[in-house]
C-alpha atoms as a PDB file:
ATOM      1  CA  MET A   1     -23.379  -9.051  -0.190  1.00  0.00           C
ATOM      2  CA  ILE A   2     -22.833  -8.889   3.419  1.00  0.00           C
ATOM      3  CA  ARG A   3     -25.039 -11.726   2.917  1.00  0.00           C
ATOM      4  CA  ALA A   4     -23.471 -13.917   0.635  1.00  0.00           C
ATOM      5  CA  ILE A   5     -19.710 -12.593   2.329  1.00  0.00           C
ATOM      6  CA  HIS A   6     -20.711 -14.094   5.969  1.00  0.00           C
ATOM      7  CA  ALA A   7     -22.099 -17.487   4.161  1.00  0.00           C
ATOM      8  CA  MET A   8     -18.420 -17.818   2.335  1.00  0.00           C
ATOM      9  CA  PHE A   9     -16.934 -17.198   5.952  1.00  0.00           C
ATOM     10  CA  GLU A  10     -19.193 -19.495   7.706  1.00  0.00           C
ATOM     11  CA  ALA A  11     -18.857 -22.666   5.503  1.00  0.00           C
ATOM     12  CA  THR A  12     -14.963 -21.766   5.087  1.00  0.00           C
ATOM     13  CA  LYS A  13     -14.872 -22.641   9.092  1.00  0.00           C
ATOM     14  CA  GLU A  14     -16.425 -25.365   8.354  1.00  0.00           C
ATOM     15  CA  GLY A  15     -14.111 -26.448   5.470  1.00  0.00           C
ATOM     16  CA  ASN A  16     -15.760 -25.747   1.983  1.00  0.00           C
ATOM     17  CA  TRP A  17     -16.321 -21.966   1.249  1.00  0.00           C
ATOM     18  CA  LEU A  18     -18.264 -23.214  -2.095  1.00  0.00           C
ATOM     19  CA  LEU A  19     -21.681 -24.119  -0.655  1.00  0.00           C
ATOM     20  CA  GLY A  20     -22.107 -20.393   0.635  1.00  0.00           C
ATOM     21  CA  THR A  21     -21.690 -19.126  -3.003  1.00  0.00           C
ATOM     22  CA  SER A  22     -24.283 -18.580  -5.822  1.00  0.00           C
ATOM     23  CA  ASN A  23     -24.328 -19.840  -9.277  1.00  0.00           C
ATOM     24  CA  ALA A  24     -23.655 -16.997 -10.404  1.00  0.00           C
ATOM     25  CA  GLN A  25     -21.199 -16.397  -8.451  1.00  0.00           C
ATOM     26  CA  LYS A  26     -19.765 -20.345  -9.322  1.00  0.00           C
ATOM     27  CA  ALA A  27     -19.723 -19.346 -12.781  1.00  0.00           C
ATOM     28  CA  SER A  28     -17.917 -15.797 -11.770  1.00  0.00           C
ATOM     29  CA  ILE A  29     -15.259 -18.087 -10.697  1.00  0.00           C
ATOM     30  CA  GLU A  30     -14.905 -19.935 -13.227  1.00  0.00           C
ATOM     31  CA  ARG A  31     -15.112 -17.499 -15.616  1.00  0.00           C
ATOM     32  CA  GLY A  32     -12.426 -15.651 -14.059  1.00  0.00           C
ATOM     33  CA  LEU A  33     -10.226 -19.764 -13.355  1.00  0.00           C
ATOM     34  CA  LYS A  34     -10.430 -20.083 -17.689  1.00  0.00           C
ATOM     35  CA  ASP A  35      -9.247 -16.151 -17.978  1.00  0.00           C
ATOM     36  CA  MET A  36      -6.064 -17.085 -15.982  1.00  0.00           C
ATOM     37  CA  GLU A  37      -6.133 -20.466 -17.925  1.00  0.00           C
ATOM     38  CA  ILE A  38      -5.225 -18.292 -21.182  1.00  0.00           C
ATOM     39  CA  GLY A  39      -3.493 -15.319 -19.135  1.00  0.00           C
ATOM     40  CA  ASN A  40      -6.544 -13.016 -19.862  1.00  0.00           C
ATOM     41  CA  THR A  41      -5.702 -11.038 -17.113  1.00  0.00           C
ATOM     42  CA  ILE A  42      -3.318  -7.639 -16.196  1.00  0.00           C
ATOM     43  CA  PRO A  43      -1.197  -7.927 -13.480  1.00  0.00           C
ATOM     44  CA  HIS A  44      -1.238  -7.355 -10.023  1.00  0.00           C
ATOM     45  CA  GLU A  45       1.018  -4.092  -9.705  1.00  0.00           C
ATOM     46  CA  GLU A  46      -1.494  -2.071 -13.331  1.00  0.00           C
ATOM     47  CA  MET A  47      -4.168  -2.795 -11.217  1.00  0.00           C
ATOM     48  CA  GLU A  48      -2.722  -1.008  -8.317  1.00  0.00           C
ATOM     49  CA  LYS A  49      -1.825   2.034 -10.652  1.00  0.00           C
ATOM     50  CA  ILE A  50      -5.043   1.709 -12.613  1.00  0.00           C
ATOM     51  CA  TYR A  51      -7.241   1.915  -8.851  1.00  0.00           C
ATOM     52  CA  SER A  52      -5.612   4.423  -7.161  1.00  0.00           C
ATOM     53  CA  LYS A  53      -5.600   6.935 -10.075  1.00  0.00           C
ATOM     54  CA  TRP A  54      -9.728   5.746  -9.691  1.00  0.00           C
ATOM     55  CA  LEU A  55      -9.296   6.118  -6.364  1.00  0.00           C
ATOM     56  CA  ILE A  56      -8.383   9.082  -5.687  1.00  0.00           C
ATOM     57  CA  LYS A  57     -10.244  10.721  -8.414  1.00  0.00           C
ATOM     58  CA  ASN A  58     -14.212   9.497  -7.509  1.00  0.00           C
ATOM     59  CA  MET A  59     -13.295   8.823  -3.566  1.00  0.00           C
ATOM     60  CA  VAL A  60     -10.455  11.107  -1.626  1.00  0.00           C
ATOM     61  CA  GLY A  61     -12.620  15.109  -3.183  1.00  0.00           C
ATOM     62  CA  ARG A  62     -15.563  13.914  -1.820  1.00  0.00           C
ATOM     63  CA  GLY A  63     -14.972  13.618   1.478  1.00  0.00           C
ATOM     64  CA  LYS A  64     -15.204   9.530   1.213  1.00  0.00           C
ATOM     65  CA  VAL A  65     -11.384   8.629   1.776  1.00  0.00           C
ATOM     66  CA  ASP A  66      -8.120  10.029   3.469  1.00  0.00           C
ATOM     67  CA  LEU A  67      -5.590   7.900   2.249  1.00  0.00           C
ATOM     68  CA  PHE A  68      -3.374   9.471   4.860  1.00  0.00           C
ATOM     69  CA  SER A  69      -5.521   8.217   8.319  1.00  0.00           C
ATOM     70  CA  HIS A  70      -3.479   5.922   8.844  1.00  0.00           C
ATOM     71  CA  TYR A  71      -0.030   7.120   9.115  1.00  0.00           C
END
């Protein structure tokens, strides 16, 4: 995963980040774009609520994340 992110970052510097992606990643991007076109999306605010509940349930209680460490 880190290698894939690094490859995309390096390709971005060269002007075409898509060159650093695998066929599976390209297919996933295409599916996401099609979902956007037909309105099959979840609003950002709703995802924030879902993710924050998951984060609190799965990470904070296990000492993996301190939600207030940056304050």
